[in-house]
């Protein structure tokens, strides 16, 4: 079985070790204030299913709250109630 690694494009750009790994999924780091935000976000989601937003307006405390809510949800059997 192949191992997959995902890294942000910013990490990959300056990291020789990351470049040496096989099976890397590159997740674009997108600047929220960029004029090309829509196009860049769409392309990243289309190519990898993920995106990392830099300079986004969401307070760090809110992001922490969301991660906590996700962790609580995935710790329960409720996660099995949703088909995808």
N, C-alpha and C. Protein backbone atom coordinates (compact mmCIF):
# COMPACT_ATOMS: atom_id res chain seq x y z
N UNK A 1 0.85 -1.18 0.00
CA UNK A 1 0.00 0.00 0.00
C UNK A 1 0.89 1.24 0.00
N UNK A 2 0.60 2.16 -0.87
CA UNK A 2 1.37 3.41 -0.95
C UNK A 2 0.92 4.36 0.15
N UNK A 3 1.88 5.07 0.67
CA UNK A 3 1.55 6.08 1.67
C UNK A 3 1.38 7.41 0.96
N UNK A 4 0.40 8.16 1.38
CA UNK A 4 0.17 9.49 0.80
C UNK A 4 0.49 10.54 1.84
N UNK A 5 1.05 11.62 1.41
CA UNK A 5 1.39 12.74 2.28
C UNK A 5 0.81 13.99 1.65
N UNK A 6 0.20 14.85 2.45
CA UNK A 6 -0.22 16.12 1.88
C UNK A 6 0.55 17.23 2.56
N UNK A 7 0.91 18.19 1.75
CA UNK A 7 1.66 19.34 2.24
C UNK A 7 1.11 20.58 1.56
N UNK A 8 1.32 21.71 2.17
CA UNK A 8 0.93 22.95 1.52
C UNK A 8 1.98 23.34 0.51
N UNK A 9 1.56 24.11 -0.47
CA UNK A 9 2.51 24.53 -1.49
C UNK A 9 3.62 25.38 -0.90
N UNK A 10 3.34 26.17 0.15
CA UNK A 10 4.37 26.97 0.80
C UNK A 10 5.43 26.08 1.44
N UNK A 11 5.03 24.98 2.07
CA UNK A 11 5.96 24.06 2.71
C UNK A 11 6.82 23.36 1.66
N UNK A 12 6.20 22.93 0.60
CA UNK A 12 6.92 22.20 -0.44
C UNK A 12 7.95 23.07 -1.13
N UNK A 13 7.63 24.33 -1.32
CA UNK A 13 8.49 25.24 -2.07
C UNK A 13 9.89 25.30 -1.50
N UNK A 14 10.03 25.30 -0.17
CA UNK A 14 11.34 25.49 0.46
C UNK A 14 11.81 24.28 1.26
N UNK A 15 11.26 23.10 0.99
CA UNK A 15 11.58 21.96 1.82
C UNK A 15 12.05 20.79 0.97
N UNK A 16 13.35 20.56 0.97
CA UNK A 16 13.93 19.48 0.16
C UNK A 16 13.42 18.12 0.61
N UNK A 17 13.23 17.92 1.91
CA UNK A 17 12.74 16.62 2.40
C UNK A 17 11.35 16.34 1.82
N UNK A 18 10.46 17.33 1.87
CA UNK A 18 9.11 17.13 1.34
C UNK A 18 9.16 16.81 -0.14
N UNK A 19 10.07 17.45 -0.87
CA UNK A 19 10.19 17.18 -2.30
C UNK A 19 10.67 15.75 -2.56
N UNK A 20 11.40 15.17 -1.62
CA UNK A 20 11.94 13.83 -1.82
C UNK A 20 10.92 12.73 -1.52
N UNK A 21 9.83 13.06 -0.86
CA UNK A 21 8.81 12.07 -0.53
C UNK A 21 8.03 11.67 -1.77
N UNK A 22 7.55 10.45 -1.81
CA UNK A 22 6.70 10.03 -2.91
C UNK A 22 5.24 10.28 -2.57
N UNK A 23 4.38 10.24 -3.55
CA UNK A 23 2.93 10.34 -3.36
C UNK A 23 2.52 11.58 -2.57
N UNK A 24 2.97 12.72 -2.99
CA UNK A 24 2.64 13.96 -2.29
C UNK A 24 1.42 14.59 -2.93
N UNK A 25 0.44 14.90 -2.12
CA UNK A 25 -0.72 15.68 -2.55
C UNK A 25 -0.43 17.12 -2.19
N UNK A 26 -0.31 17.97 -3.17
CA UNK A 26 0.00 19.37 -2.90
C UNK A 26 -1.30 20.12 -2.70
N UNK A 27 -1.43 20.73 -1.54
CA UNK A 27 -2.59 21.55 -1.22
C UNK A 27 -2.15 22.99 -1.32
N UNK A 28 -2.76 23.71 -2.22
CA UNK A 28 -2.37 25.10 -2.46
C UNK A 28 -2.66 25.97 -1.24
N UNK A 29 -1.75 26.88 -0.95
CA UNK A 29 -1.96 27.91 0.06
C UNK A 29 -2.43 29.15 -0.70
N UNK A 30 -3.64 29.60 -0.40
CA UNK A 30 -4.28 30.66 -1.17
C UNK A 30 -4.47 31.89 -0.29
N UNK A 31 -4.09 33.03 -0.82
CA UNK A 31 -4.24 34.29 -0.10
C UNK A 31 -5.68 34.78 -0.25
N UNK A 32 -6.38 34.89 0.88
CA UNK A 32 -7.78 35.32 0.89
C UNK A 32 -7.96 36.70 0.27
N UNK A 33 -6.94 37.54 0.35
CA UNK A 33 -7.06 38.90 -0.18
C UNK A 33 -6.64 39.01 -1.65
N UNK A 34 -6.28 37.90 -2.25
CA UNK A 34 -5.83 37.91 -3.64
C UNK A 34 -6.99 38.19 -4.60
N UNK A 35 -6.73 38.97 -5.64
CA UNK A 35 -7.77 39.19 -6.66
C UNK A 35 -8.18 37.89 -7.37
N UNK A 36 -7.31 36.89 -7.34
CA UNK A 36 -7.62 35.62 -8.01
C UNK A 36 -8.12 34.56 -7.03
N UNK A 37 -8.60 34.99 -5.87
CA UNK A 37 -9.06 34.05 -4.84
C UNK A 37 -10.05 33.03 -5.38
N UNK A 38 -11.09 33.47 -6.05
CA UNK A 38 -12.11 32.55 -6.55
C UNK A 38 -11.55 31.50 -7.48
N UNK A 39 -10.75 31.93 -8.43
CA UNK A 39 -10.16 31.02 -9.40
C UNK A 39 -9.19 30.05 -8.70
N UNK A 40 -8.35 30.59 -7.81
CA UNK A 40 -7.37 29.76 -7.11
C UNK A 40 -8.03 28.74 -6.19
N UNK A 41 -9.06 29.17 -5.48
CA UNK A 41 -9.78 28.27 -4.58
C UNK A 41 -10.44 27.15 -5.37
N UNK A 42 -11.11 27.53 -6.45
CA UNK A 42 -11.77 26.53 -7.29
C UNK A 42 -10.76 25.51 -7.83
N UNK A 43 -9.63 25.98 -8.31
CA UNK A 43 -8.63 25.08 -8.87
C UNK A 43 -8.05 24.14 -7.81
N UNK A 44 -7.78 24.68 -6.62
CA UNK A 44 -7.24 23.84 -5.56
C UNK A 44 -8.24 22.76 -5.15
N UNK A 45 -9.50 23.15 -4.99
CA UNK A 45 -10.53 22.18 -4.62
C UNK A 45 -10.74 21.15 -5.72
N UNK A 46 -10.67 21.58 -6.97
CA UNK A 46 -10.83 20.66 -8.09
C UNK A 46 -9.67 19.67 -8.17
N UNK A 47 -8.46 20.16 -7.96
CA UNK A 47 -7.30 19.29 -8.15
C UNK A 47 -7.00 18.40 -6.95
N UNK A 48 -7.29 18.87 -5.74
CA UNK A 48 -6.93 18.07 -4.56
C UNK A 48 -8.08 17.81 -3.61
N UNK A 49 -9.13 18.63 -3.71
CA UNK A 49 -10.24 18.51 -2.76
C UNK A 49 -10.02 19.33 -1.50
N UNK A 50 -8.88 20.03 -1.44
CA UNK A 50 -8.52 20.80 -0.26
C UNK A 50 -7.96 22.16 -0.67
N UNK A 51 -7.94 23.06 0.31
CA UNK A 51 -7.26 24.35 0.13
C UNK A 51 -6.90 24.88 1.52
N UNK A 52 -5.83 25.64 1.57
CA UNK A 52 -5.42 26.30 2.80
C UNK A 52 -5.52 27.80 2.53
N UNK A 53 -6.30 28.50 3.34
CA UNK A 53 -6.47 29.94 3.17
C UNK A 53 -5.56 30.70 4.12
N UNK A 54 -4.81 31.63 3.55
CA UNK A 54 -3.95 32.52 4.33
C UNK A 54 -4.62 33.89 4.33
N UNK A 55 -4.47 34.62 5.43
CA UNK A 55 -5.03 35.98 5.58
C UNK A 55 -6.55 35.99 5.56
N UNK A 56 -7.17 34.91 5.99
CA UNK A 56 -8.63 34.86 6.03
C UNK A 56 -9.14 35.57 7.28
N UNK A 57 -10.39 36.07 7.27
CA UNK A 57 -10.88 36.91 8.37
C UNK A 57 -11.46 36.16 9.57
N UNK A 58 -11.38 34.85 9.61
CA UNK A 58 -11.97 34.10 10.72
C UNK A 58 -11.02 34.16 11.91
N UNK A 59 -11.56 34.52 13.07
CA UNK A 59 -10.75 34.63 14.28
C UNK A 59 -10.16 33.27 14.65
N UNK A 60 -8.91 33.23 15.11
CA UNK A 60 -8.29 31.96 15.49
C UNK A 60 -9.10 31.20 16.54
N UNK A 61 -9.76 31.91 17.42
CA UNK A 61 -10.59 31.25 18.45
C UNK A 61 -11.74 30.49 17.80
N UNK A 62 -12.31 31.06 16.75
CA UNK A 62 -13.41 30.40 16.06
C UNK A 62 -12.91 29.14 15.35
N UNK A 63 -11.75 29.21 14.75
CA UNK A 63 -11.16 28.03 14.09
C UNK A 63 -10.95 26.93 15.13
N UNK A 64 -10.45 27.28 16.30
CA UNK A 64 -10.26 26.30 17.37
C UNK A 64 -11.57 25.68 17.79
N UNK A 65 -12.63 26.50 17.88
CA UNK A 65 -13.96 25.98 18.22
C UNK A 65 -14.44 24.98 17.18
N UNK A 66 -14.20 25.28 15.90
CA UNK A 66 -14.62 24.37 14.84
C UNK A 66 -13.86 23.05 14.90
N UNK A 67 -12.55 23.11 15.14
CA UNK A 67 -11.78 21.87 15.26
C UNK A 67 -12.28 21.03 16.44
N UNK A 68 -12.62 21.67 17.54
CA UNK A 68 -13.14 20.96 18.70
C UNK A 68 -14.48 20.30 18.36
N UNK A 69 -15.36 21.03 17.67
CA UNK A 69 -16.66 20.47 17.28
C UNK A 69 -16.47 19.27 16.35
N UNK A 70 -15.53 19.37 15.40
CA UNK A 70 -15.26 18.23 14.50
C UNK A 70 -14.75 17.04 15.29
N UNK A 71 -13.83 17.27 16.21
CA UNK A 71 -13.27 16.17 17.01
C UNK A 71 -14.37 15.50 17.83
N UNK A 72 -15.25 16.29 18.41
CA UNK A 72 -16.35 15.73 19.20
C UNK A 72 -17.28 14.90 18.32
N UNK A 73 -17.61 15.42 17.13
CA UNK A 73 -18.48 14.71 16.22
C UNK A 73 -17.86 13.38 15.79
N UNK A 74 -16.60 13.40 15.37
CA UNK A 74 -15.97 12.18 14.87
C UNK A 74 -15.63 11.18 15.98
N UNK A 75 -15.76 11.59 17.23
CA UNK A 75 -15.56 10.67 18.36
C UNK A 75 -16.84 9.89 18.67
N UNK A 76 -17.95 10.23 17.99
CA UNK A 76 -19.22 9.55 18.24
C UNK A 76 -19.59 8.68 17.04
N UNK A 77 -20.61 7.87 17.23
CA UNK A 77 -21.12 7.05 16.13
C UNK A 77 -22.00 7.85 15.18
N UNK A 78 -22.31 9.10 15.50
CA UNK A 78 -23.11 9.95 14.62
C UNK A 78 -22.47 10.05 13.23
N UNK A 79 -21.16 9.96 13.17
CA UNK A 79 -20.45 10.07 11.89
C UNK A 79 -20.90 9.00 10.90
N UNK A 80 -21.43 7.89 11.37
CA UNK A 80 -21.86 6.82 10.49
C UNK A 80 -23.26 7.06 9.92
N UNK A 81 -23.93 8.12 10.37
CA UNK A 81 -25.29 8.41 9.92
C UNK A 81 -25.33 9.21 8.62
N UNK A 82 -24.17 9.59 8.11
CA UNK A 82 -24.11 10.43 6.92
C UNK A 82 -23.46 9.66 5.77
N UNK A 83 -24.16 9.62 4.66
CA UNK A 83 -23.62 8.98 3.46
C UNK A 83 -22.92 10.02 2.61
N UNK A 84 -21.89 9.63 1.93
CA UNK A 84 -21.21 10.54 1.02
C UNK A 84 -20.85 9.85 -0.25
